[in-house]
Every structure is written in C-alpha cells, then in structure tokens.
C-alpha cells in the first residue's frame, strides 16, 4: 500500500472506530464505561483530522503531537472509580464483548500505524504515524484496564491503589 492508500484506509478505520465507540457509549450502563467510550470516540475524530491533514499534505504542528497520551489523560476517570464503587453497575457479557472487540480493533490500528511509520519515506509523516501507533497502544491499555476492572474489581483496586493486603 502506498501512503495515500494507508491514509484513506486509516480514515475509514477511525470513522468506524468513532461509530463503534459512540454506539458502545449508548449501550453500556456503567457511568465510567460511558465516559471511557466518549473519550475514545473523541480521539478517533482527532486521528481522522490528523489523517485528513496528511492527505492534504498538511503536517500537524509539534503542539498537536505533544499532547499527553490517552491513558495519561484518562487516568483521572479511573482514579475516581474507587470513590464511587456503590454506583457501579455490574457489567454484562455485552460490555465485556464490546471491550474485547475494541481491543482487537485497536491492535489492528496499532499494527497498521506502526508499519506505516516504519515504511514512510518522509520522516515527518513517519513521526505522525508513530505517534498515532502510540495512541492506539494506549487505547488498548485503557480497554484492557477497563476489562480487568469489570472482571475483578477488588483485585484491580488493590493493584491500582498499591494498598497492602492485611489479614484479620
């Protein structure tokens, strides 16, 4: 695939990702899940904008690429989870299935951007693809953490908070 084909494919993937995350946001009962999916949908549109710029030969400025990675920006949402445990709605198989599907798609996106970065003849375009690969990897980690949280909240809380386990 040439660079233009990669970009057009990536734009379609980002649009599809946006639609998926918006639908998942509407389907999940969890407040935290809704926030996470809305956040990831927003990132898909950010990626689409960057890709459309590349297609039009407009490289993003350094400021656009120097924002914190998604996992760093979303950390505050997860930090508040333990304070609102009683409001947590038990996950359903649909929630876990959606997370698993999203993790698969984020892995595919990472691989595509990583390959495009390594194969780019233009170092500036390669840097954009490399940054997007890092963001997709961070999305995967967010989804993985969320899945773990839904499956094993008690273990997740201890792991995330770093609290000691005390016997009685």
N, C-alpha and C. Protein backbone atom coordinates (compact mmCIF):
# COMPACT_ATOMS: atom_id res chain seq x y z
N UNK A 1 0.83 -1.18 0.00
CA UNK A 1 0.00 0.00 0.00
C UNK A 1 0.88 1.25 0.00
N UNK A 2 0.52 2.22 -0.82
CA UNK A 2 1.25 3.48 -0.77
C UNK A 2 0.70 4.34 0.36
N UNK A 3 1.34 5.46 0.64
CA UNK A 3 0.98 6.29 1.77
C UNK A 3 -0.47 6.78 1.67
N UNK A 4 -0.88 7.19 0.48
CA UNK A 4 -2.26 7.68 0.33
C UNK A 4 -3.27 6.58 0.63
N UNK A 5 -3.00 5.37 0.18
CA UNK A 5 -3.91 4.25 0.48
C UNK A 5 -3.96 3.96 1.97
N UNK A 6 -2.81 4.02 2.62
CA UNK A 6 -2.75 3.80 4.07
C UNK A 6 -3.59 4.86 4.78
N UNK A 7 -3.44 6.11 4.35
CA UNK A 7 -4.18 7.21 4.99
C UNK A 7 -5.68 7.04 4.77
N UNK A 8 -6.09 6.71 3.56
CA UNK A 8 -7.53 6.52 3.29
C UNK A 8 -8.10 5.34 4.09
N UNK A 9 -7.34 4.27 4.18
CA UNK A 9 -7.76 3.12 4.98
C UNK A 9 -7.86 3.52 6.45
N UNK A 10 -6.87 4.26 6.91
CA UNK A 10 -6.85 4.71 8.31
C UNK A 10 -8.02 5.63 8.62
N UNK A 11 -8.37 6.53 7.70
CA UNK A 11 -9.51 7.42 7.91
C UNK A 11 -10.78 6.60 8.08
N UNK A 12 -10.95 5.59 7.24
CA UNK A 12 -12.13 4.73 7.35
C UNK A 12 -12.13 4.00 8.69
N UNK A 13 -10.98 3.51 9.11
CA UNK A 13 -10.88 2.81 10.40
C UNK A 13 -11.24 3.75 11.55
N UNK A 14 -10.78 4.99 11.48
CA UNK A 14 -11.07 5.95 12.53
C UNK A 14 -12.56 6.29 12.56
N UNK A 15 -13.17 6.43 11.39
CA UNK A 15 -14.62 6.69 11.32
C UNK A 15 -15.39 5.51 11.91
N UNK A 16 -14.98 4.30 11.53
CA UNK A 16 -15.64 3.10 12.06
C UNK A 16 -15.45 3.01 13.58
N UNK A 17 -14.24 3.33 14.04
CA UNK A 17 -13.97 3.33 15.48
C UNK A 17 -14.85 4.33 16.21
N UNK A 18 -15.00 5.51 15.62
CA UNK A 18 -15.87 6.53 16.22
C UNK A 18 -17.29 6.01 16.36
N UNK A 19 -17.81 5.43 15.28
CA UNK A 19 -19.18 4.90 15.31
C UNK A 19 -19.31 3.80 16.36
N UNK A 20 -18.33 2.92 16.43
CA UNK A 20 -18.36 1.83 17.41
C UNK A 20 -18.38 2.39 18.83
N UNK A 21 -17.46 3.33 19.12
CA UNK A 21 -17.38 3.85 20.48
C UNK A 21 -18.62 4.64 20.87
N UNK A 22 -19.22 5.37 19.93
CA UNK A 22 -20.45 6.10 20.23
C UNK A 22 -21.59 5.12 20.51
N UNK A 23 -21.66 4.04 19.74
CA UNK A 23 -22.69 3.04 19.97
C UNK A 23 -22.47 2.35 21.32
N UNK A 24 -21.22 1.99 21.61
CA UNK A 24 -20.90 1.34 22.88
C UNK A 24 -21.21 2.28 24.04
N UNK A 25 -20.96 3.56 23.86
CA UNK A 25 -21.27 4.54 24.91
C UNK A 25 -22.76 4.52 25.23
N UNK A 26 -23.59 4.40 24.20
CA UNK A 26 -25.03 4.37 24.40
C UNK A 26 -25.53 3.06 24.97
N UNK A 27 -24.79 2.00 24.79
CA UNK A 27 -25.24 0.67 25.23
C UNK A 27 -24.82 0.32 26.65
N UNK A 28 -23.72 0.86 27.12
CA UNK A 28 -23.23 0.47 28.44
C UNK A 28 -23.99 1.19 29.55
N UNK A 29 -24.21 0.48 30.63
CA UNK A 29 -24.92 1.06 31.77
C UNK A 29 -23.96 1.76 32.73
N UNK A 30 -22.70 1.47 32.63
CA UNK A 30 -21.70 1.99 33.55
C UNK A 30 -21.35 3.44 33.20
N UNK A 31 -21.38 4.31 34.21
CA UNK A 31 -21.00 5.71 34.01
C UNK A 31 -19.55 5.81 33.55
N UNK A 32 -18.69 5.03 34.18
CA UNK A 32 -17.27 5.03 33.80
C UNK A 32 -17.11 4.53 32.37
N UNK A 33 -17.85 3.48 32.01
CA UNK A 33 -17.79 2.96 30.64
C UNK A 33 -18.23 4.01 29.63
N UNK A 34 -19.30 4.72 29.95
CA UNK A 34 -19.78 5.78 29.05
C UNK A 34 -18.70 6.85 28.85
N UNK A 35 -18.08 7.26 29.96
CA UNK A 35 -17.02 8.28 29.87
C UNK A 35 -15.84 7.78 29.04
N UNK A 36 -15.46 6.53 29.25
CA UNK A 36 -14.33 5.97 28.52
C UNK A 36 -14.63 5.91 27.03
N UNK A 37 -15.83 5.39 26.67
CA UNK A 37 -16.17 5.29 25.25
C UNK A 37 -16.29 6.66 24.60
N UNK A 38 -16.84 7.64 25.30
CA UNK A 38 -16.94 9.00 24.75
C UNK A 38 -15.54 9.57 24.51
N UNK A 39 -14.64 9.32 25.45
CA UNK A 39 -13.26 9.79 25.33
C UNK A 39 -12.58 9.15 24.12
N UNK A 40 -12.75 7.85 23.97
CA UNK A 40 -12.12 7.16 22.84
C UNK A 40 -12.73 7.60 21.52
N UNK A 41 -14.03 7.87 21.48
CA UNK A 41 -14.67 8.36 20.27
C UNK A 41 -14.07 9.71 19.87
N UNK A 42 -13.86 10.56 20.87
CA UNK A 42 -13.25 11.87 20.62
C UNK A 42 -11.86 11.70 20.01
N UNK A 43 -11.10 10.75 20.52
CA UNK A 43 -9.76 10.50 19.99
C UNK A 43 -9.80 10.01 18.54
N UNK A 44 -10.80 9.22 18.21
CA UNK A 44 -10.92 8.74 16.83
C UNK A 44 -11.09 9.93 15.87
N UNK A 45 -11.87 10.93 16.29
CA UNK A 45 -12.07 12.11 15.45
C UNK A 45 -10.79 12.94 15.37
N UNK A 46 -10.03 12.96 16.47
CA UNK A 46 -8.73 13.64 16.45
C UNK A 46 -7.81 12.97 15.43
N UNK A 47 -7.78 11.66 15.44
CA UNK A 47 -6.96 10.92 14.48
C UNK A 47 -7.41 11.19 13.06
N UNK A 48 -8.73 11.18 12.83
CA UNK A 48 -9.26 11.43 11.49
C UNK A 48 -8.79 12.80 10.98
N UNK A 49 -8.84 13.80 11.85
CA UNK A 49 -8.40 15.15 11.47
C UNK A 49 -6.92 15.15 11.08
N UNK A 50 -6.09 14.47 11.88
CA UNK A 50 -4.67 14.39 11.56
C UNK A 50 -4.44 13.71 10.20
N UNK A 51 -5.18 12.63 9.97
CA UNK A 51 -5.05 11.88 8.72
C UNK A 51 -5.51 12.70 7.52
N UNK A 52 -6.61 13.41 7.67
CA UNK A 52 -7.09 14.26 6.58
C UNK A 52 -6.07 15.35 6.26
N UNK A 53 -5.40 15.85 7.30
CA UNK A 53 -4.33 16.82 7.08
C UNK A 53 -3.19 16.20 6.28
N UNK A 54 -2.82 14.97 6.63
CA UNK A 54 -1.76 14.29 5.87
C UNK A 54 -2.17 14.10 4.42
N UNK A 55 -3.43 13.75 4.21
CA UNK A 55 -3.93 13.54 2.85
C UNK A 55 -3.83 14.82 2.04
N UNK A 56 -4.03 15.95 2.71
CA UNK A 56 -3.96 17.26 2.05
C UNK A 56 -2.57 17.89 2.14
N UNK A 57 -1.59 17.06 2.51
CA UNK A 57 -0.19 17.47 2.62
C UNK A 57 0.03 18.54 3.68
N UNK A 58 -0.78 18.51 4.73
CA UNK A 58 -0.64 19.44 5.84
C UNK A 58 -0.22 18.64 7.07
N UNK A 59 1.01 18.81 7.46
CA UNK A 59 1.52 18.11 8.63
C UNK A 59 1.08 18.83 9.89
N UNK A 60 0.75 18.08 10.94
CA UNK A 60 0.38 18.73 12.19
C UNK A 60 1.59 19.43 12.80
N UNK A 61 1.32 20.48 13.56
CA UNK A 61 2.45 21.13 14.23
C UNK A 61 2.83 20.30 15.47
N UNK A 62 3.97 20.63 16.01
CA UNK A 62 4.51 19.86 17.14
C UNK A 62 3.55 19.85 18.32
N UNK A 63 2.80 20.94 18.51
CA UNK A 63 1.84 21.03 19.62
C UNK A 63 0.77 19.95 19.53
N UNK A 64 0.30 19.67 18.31
CA UNK A 64 -0.75 18.67 18.12
C UNK A 64 -0.25 17.26 18.45
N UNK A 65 1.03 17.04 18.32
CA UNK A 65 1.59 15.72 18.58
C UNK A 65 2.16 15.60 19.99
N UNK A 66 2.25 16.72 20.69
CA UNK A 66 2.87 16.71 22.01
C UNK A 66 1.86 16.73 23.15
N UNK A 67 0.66 16.23 22.90
CA UNK A 67 -0.34 16.15 23.96
C UNK A 67 -0.12 14.85 24.73
N UNK A 68 -0.58 14.80 25.98
CA UNK A 68 -0.41 13.56 26.74
C UNK A 68 -1.10 12.39 26.04
N UNK A 69 -0.53 11.21 26.18
CA UNK A 69 -1.16 10.03 25.61
C UNK A 69 -2.52 9.80 26.25
N UNK A 70 -3.43 9.13 25.53
CA UNK A 70 -4.78 8.94 26.05
C UNK A 70 -4.85 8.34 27.44
N UNK A 71 -4.02 7.37 27.74
CA UNK A 71 -4.08 6.73 29.05
C UNK A 71 -3.73 7.72 30.15
N UNK A 72 -2.80 8.62 29.88
CA UNK A 72 -2.43 9.64 30.86
C UNK A 72 -3.59 10.61 31.08
N UNK A 73 -4.29 10.97 30.02
CA UNK A 73 -5.40 11.91 30.12
C UNK A 73 -6.62 11.27 30.78
N UNK A 74 -6.80 9.97 30.62
CA UNK A 74 -7.98 9.30 31.16
C UNK A 74 -7.76 8.82 32.60
N UNK A 75 -6.54 8.90 33.08
CA UNK A 75 -6.23 8.37 34.41
C UNK A 75 -7.15 8.95 35.49
N UNK A 76 -7.54 10.20 35.36
CA UNK A 76 -8.39 10.80 36.39
C UNK A 76 -9.75 10.11 36.48
N UNK A 77 -10.27 9.63 35.36
CA UNK A 77 -11.53 8.91 35.38
C UNK A 77 -11.38 7.65 36.22
N UNK A 78 -10.30 6.92 36.01
CA UNK A 78 -10.08 5.69 36.77
C UNK A 78 -9.73 6.00 38.22
N UNK A 79 -9.09 7.12 38.48
CA UNK A 79 -8.75 7.49 39.84
C UNK A 79 -9.98 7.72 40.70
N UNK A 80 -11.08 8.15 40.08
CA UNK A 80 -12.31 8.41 40.82
C UNK A 80 -13.18 7.17 40.99
N UNK A 81 -12.85 6.08 40.32
CA UNK A 81 -13.69 4.89 40.36
C UNK A 81 -13.87 4.36 41.78
N UNK A 82 -12.78 4.28 42.52
CA UNK A 82 -12.87 3.67 43.84
C UNK A 82 -13.72 4.50 44.79
N UNK A 83 -13.89 5.79 44.50
CA UNK A 83 -14.72 6.63 45.34
C UNK A 83 -16.21 6.39 45.10
N UNK A 84 -16.56 5.83 43.95
CA UNK A 84 -17.96 5.66 43.56
C UNK A 84 -18.32 4.19 43.37
N UNK A 85 -17.74 3.32 44.15
CA UNK A 85 -17.95 1.89 43.99
C UNK A 85 -19.43 1.54 44.09
N UNK A 86 -20.14 2.16 45.01
CA UNK A 86 -21.55 1.82 45.22
C UNK A 86 -22.41 2.15 44.01
N UNK A 87 -21.97 3.08 43.18
CA UNK A 87 -22.74 3.45 41.99
C UNK A 87 -22.44 2.52 40.81
N UNK A 88 -21.45 1.67 40.96
CA UNK A 88 -21.04 0.80 39.87
C UNK A 88 -22.15 -0.17 39.52
N UNK A 89 -22.46 -0.25 38.22
CA UNK A 89 -23.45 -1.21 37.73
C UNK A 89 -22.69 -2.43 37.26
N UNK A 90 -23.10 -3.64 37.69
CA UNK A 90 -22.37 -4.84 37.26
C UNK A 90 -22.30 -4.92 35.72
N UNK A 91 -21.17 -5.36 35.25
CA UNK A 91 -21.00 -5.48 33.80
C UNK A 91 -21.82 -6.65 33.27
N UNK A 92 -22.10 -6.57 32.00
CA UNK A 92 -22.78 -7.68 31.33
C UNK A 92 -21.82 -8.29 30.33
N UNK A 93 -22.20 -9.43 29.78
CA UNK A 93 -21.36 -10.05 28.75
C UNK A 93 -21.21 -9.12 27.56
N UNK A 94 -22.26 -8.31 27.26
CA UNK A 94 -22.17 -7.36 26.15
C UNK A 94 -21.06 -6.35 26.38
N UNK A 95 -20.92 -5.87 27.63
CA UNK A 95 -19.84 -4.92 27.94
C UNK A 95 -18.49 -5.56 27.69
N UNK A 96 -18.31 -6.77 28.17
CA UNK A 96 -17.03 -7.46 28.00
C UNK A 96 -16.76 -7.79 26.54
N UNK A 97 -17.81 -8.17 25.82
CA UNK A 97 -17.66 -8.46 24.38
C UNK A 97 -17.25 -7.19 23.63
N UNK A 98 -17.86 -6.07 23.98
CA UNK A 98 -17.52 -4.81 23.32
C UNK A 98 -16.07 -4.44 23.59
N UNK A 99 -15.63 -4.62 24.82
CA UNK A 99 -14.23 -4.33 25.16
C UNK A 99 -13.28 -5.23 24.39
N UNK A 100 -13.60 -6.52 24.32
CA UNK A 100 -12.74 -7.46 23.60
C UNK A 100 -12.66 -7.09 22.12
N UNK A 101 -13.80 -6.77 21.52
CA UNK A 101 -13.83 -6.36 20.12
C UNK A 101 -13.00 -5.09 19.91
N UNK A 102 -13.18 -4.11 20.79
CA UNK A 102 -12.44 -2.86 20.67
C UNK A 102 -10.95 -3.08 20.82
N UNK A 103 -10.55 -3.97 21.72
CA UNK A 103 -9.13 -4.28 21.90
C UNK A 103 -8.53 -4.86 20.62
N UNK A 104 -9.31 -5.71 19.95
CA UNK A 104 -8.86 -6.30 18.69
C UNK A 104 -8.65 -5.21 17.63
N UNK A 105 -9.60 -4.28 17.55
CA UNK A 105 -9.51 -3.20 16.57
C UNK A 105 -8.35 -2.26 16.87
N UNK A 106 -8.12 -1.98 18.14
CA UNK A 106 -7.00 -1.11 18.50
C UNK A 106 -5.67 -1.78 18.15
N UNK A 107 -5.59 -3.09 18.31
CA UNK A 107 -4.38 -3.82 17.94
C UNK A 107 -4.15 -3.73 16.44
N UNK A 108 -5.21 -3.90 15.65
CA UNK A 108 -5.09 -3.79 14.20
C UNK A 108 -4.64 -2.38 13.80
N UNK A 109 -5.21 -1.37 14.43
CA UNK A 109 -4.83 0.02 14.13
C UNK A 109 -3.37 0.27 14.49
N UNK A 110 -2.96 -0.23 15.66
CA UNK A 110 -1.57 -0.07 16.07
C UNK A 110 -0.63 -0.65 15.02
N UNK A 111 -0.91 -1.88 14.60
CA UNK A 111 -0.04 -2.54 13.62
C UNK A 111 0.04 -1.75 12.32
N UNK A 112 -1.10 -1.25 11.86
CA UNK A 112 -1.12 -0.51 10.60
C UNK A 112 -0.29 0.77 10.73
N UNK A 113 -0.49 1.53 11.82
CA UNK A 113 0.25 2.78 12.00
C UNK A 113 1.74 2.52 12.23
N UNK A 114 2.05 1.46 12.97
CA UNK A 114 3.44 1.12 13.22
C UNK A 114 4.16 0.77 11.91
N UNK A 115 3.51 -0.04 11.07
CA UNK A 115 4.10 -0.39 9.78
C UNK A 115 4.23 0.84 8.88
N UNK A 116 3.21 1.71 8.90
CA UNK A 116 3.27 2.92 8.08
C UNK A 116 4.40 3.83 8.55
N UNK A 117 4.61 3.92 9.86
CA UNK A 117 5.69 4.75 10.40
C UNK A 117 7.05 4.22 9.95
N UNK A 118 7.22 2.90 10.06
CA UNK A 118 8.49 2.30 9.69
C UNK A 118 8.74 2.34 8.19
N UNK A 119 7.67 2.34 7.39
CA UNK A 119 7.82 2.32 5.94
C UNK A 119 7.74 3.68 5.28
N UNK A 120 7.57 4.73 6.05
CA UNK A 120 7.41 6.06 5.48
C UNK A 120 8.73 6.63 5.00
N UNK A 121 8.72 7.15 3.77
CA UNK A 121 9.92 7.77 3.21
C UNK A 121 10.13 9.16 3.80
N UNK A 122 9.04 9.80 4.23
CA UNK A 122 9.11 11.15 4.80
C UNK A 122 9.15 11.03 6.32
N UNK A 123 10.25 11.43 6.96
CA UNK A 123 10.37 11.30 8.41
C UNK A 123 9.26 12.02 9.19
N UNK A 124 8.77 13.14 8.67
CA UNK A 124 7.72 13.88 9.37
C UNK A 124 6.40 13.12 9.32
N UNK A 125 6.09 12.52 8.19
CA UNK A 125 4.88 11.70 8.07
C UNK A 125 5.04 10.46 8.95
N UNK A 126 6.24 9.88 8.93
CA UNK A 126 6.52 8.73 9.77
C UNK A 126 6.33 9.05 11.25
N UNK A 127 6.71 10.26 11.65
CA UNK A 127 6.54 10.67 13.05
C UNK A 127 5.06 10.76 13.43
N UNK A 128 4.23 11.21 12.51
CA UNK A 128 2.79 11.29 12.77
C UNK A 128 2.24 9.87 12.95
N UNK A 129 2.61 8.97 12.05
CA UNK A 129 2.15 7.58 12.16
C UNK A 129 2.65 6.93 13.44
N UNK A 130 3.90 7.21 13.82
CA UNK A 130 4.46 6.64 15.05
C UNK A 130 3.69 7.14 16.27
N UNK A 131 3.36 8.41 16.28
CA UNK A 131 2.59 8.96 17.39
C UNK A 131 1.20 8.30 17.46
N UNK A 132 0.57 8.12 16.30
CA UNK A 132 -0.75 7.51 16.26
C UNK A 132 -0.67 6.05 16.72
N UNK A 133 0.42 5.36 16.39
CA UNK A 133 0.60 3.99 16.86
C UNK A 133 0.67 3.97 18.39
N UNK A 134 1.40 4.92 18.98
CA UNK A 134 1.48 5.01 20.45
C UNK A 134 0.10 5.27 21.05
N UNK A 135 -0.68 6.13 20.40
CA UNK A 135 -2.01 6.42 20.91
C UNK A 135 -2.92 5.19 20.84
N UNK A 136 -2.82 4.43 19.76
CA UNK A 136 -3.62 3.21 19.64
C UNK A 136 -3.21 2.20 20.71
N UNK A 137 -1.92 2.13 20.96
CA UNK A 137 -1.43 1.23 22.02
C UNK A 137 -1.99 1.67 23.38
N UNK A 138 -2.04 2.97 23.59
CA UNK A 138 -2.59 3.50 24.84
C UNK A 138 -4.09 3.21 24.93
N UNK A 139 -4.81 3.32 23.81
CA UNK A 139 -6.23 2.96 23.80
C UNK A 139 -6.41 1.51 24.23
N UNK A 140 -5.58 0.64 23.68
CA UNK A 140 -5.65 -0.78 24.03
C UNK A 140 -5.48 -0.96 25.55
N UNK A 141 -4.50 -0.27 26.12
CA UNK A 141 -4.24 -0.39 27.55
C UNK A 141 -5.44 0.11 28.37
N UNK A 142 -6.09 1.17 27.92
CA UNK A 142 -7.28 1.68 28.60
C UNK A 142 -8.37 0.61 28.59
N UNK A 143 -8.59 0.02 27.43
CA UNK A 143 -9.61 -1.01 27.30
C UNK A 143 -9.27 -2.23 28.14
N UNK A 144 -8.00 -2.60 28.14
CA UNK A 144 -7.55 -3.75 28.92
C UNK A 144 -7.76 -3.49 30.42
N UNK A 145 -7.40 -2.30 30.87
CA UNK A 145 -7.60 -1.95 32.28
C UNK A 145 -9.09 -1.98 32.63
N UNK A 146 -9.91 -1.48 31.73
CA UNK A 146 -11.35 -1.46 31.98
C UNK A 146 -11.91 -2.87 32.06
N UNK A 147 -11.47 -3.72 31.16
CA UNK A 147 -11.93 -5.11 31.19
C UNK A 147 -11.53 -5.76 32.52
N UNK A 148 -10.30 -5.55 32.92
CA UNK A 148 -9.82 -6.11 34.18
C UNK A 148 -10.65 -5.56 35.34
N UNK A 149 -10.92 -4.27 35.31
CA UNK A 149 -11.73 -3.65 36.35
C UNK A 149 -13.11 -4.29 36.43
N UNK A 150 -13.74 -4.49 35.30
CA UNK A 150 -15.08 -5.06 35.30
C UNK A 150 -15.08 -6.52 35.75
N UNK A 151 -14.03 -7.24 35.41
CA UNK A 151 -13.98 -8.65 35.77
C UNK A 151 -13.55 -8.88 37.22
N UNK A 152 -12.65 -8.05 37.69
CA UNK A 152 -12.09 -8.31 39.02
C UNK A 152 -11.86 -7.01 39.77
N UNK A 153 -12.93 -6.33 40.14
CA UNK A 153 -12.79 -5.01 40.76
C UNK A 153 -11.91 -5.03 42.00
N UNK A 154 -12.08 -5.98 42.87
CA UNK A 154 -11.31 -5.98 44.12
C UNK A 154 -9.82 -6.07 43.83
N UNK A 155 -9.43 -6.97 42.96
CA UNK A 155 -8.00 -7.10 42.61
C UNK A 155 -7.50 -5.85 41.93
N UNK A 156 -8.32 -5.29 41.05
CA UNK A 156 -7.93 -4.08 40.33
C UNK A 156 -7.68 -2.94 41.31
N UNK A 157 -8.56 -2.79 42.29
CA UNK A 157 -8.43 -1.72 43.27
C UNK A 157 -7.12 -1.83 44.04
N UNK A 158 -6.79 -3.02 44.49
CA UNK A 158 -5.54 -3.24 45.22
C UNK A 158 -4.35 -2.94 44.33
N UNK A 159 -4.40 -3.44 43.10
CA UNK A 159 -3.30 -3.24 42.15
C UNK A 159 -3.13 -1.77 41.82
N UNK A 160 -4.21 -1.07 41.53
CA UNK A 160 -4.15 0.31 41.11
C UNK A 160 -3.76 1.24 42.27
N UNK A 161 -4.29 0.96 43.45
CA UNK A 161 -4.01 1.80 44.62
C UNK A 161 -2.70 1.42 45.29
N UNK A 162 -2.21 0.20 45.04
CA UNK A 162 -0.97 -0.24 45.64
C UNK A 162 -1.09 -0.48 47.15
N UNK A 163 -2.31 -0.77 47.59
CA UNK A 163 -2.56 -0.95 49.01
C UNK A 163 -2.09 -2.30 49.51
N UNK A 164 -1.80 -2.38 50.79
CA UNK A 164 -1.37 -3.66 51.36
C UNK A 164 -2.55 -4.58 51.57
N UNK A 165 -2.28 -5.85 51.58
CA UNK A 165 -3.29 -6.84 51.88
C UNK A 165 -3.06 -7.25 53.34
N UNK A 166 -4.08 -7.00 54.14
CA UNK A 166 -3.94 -7.29 55.57
C UNK A 166 -4.81 -8.46 55.96
N UNK A 167 -4.29 -9.30 56.82
CA UNK A 167 -5.07 -10.43 57.36
C UNK A 167 -5.79 -9.99 58.63
N UNK A 168 -6.83 -10.74 58.99
CA UNK A 168 -7.57 -10.30 60.16
C UNK A 168 -7.52 -11.22 61.31
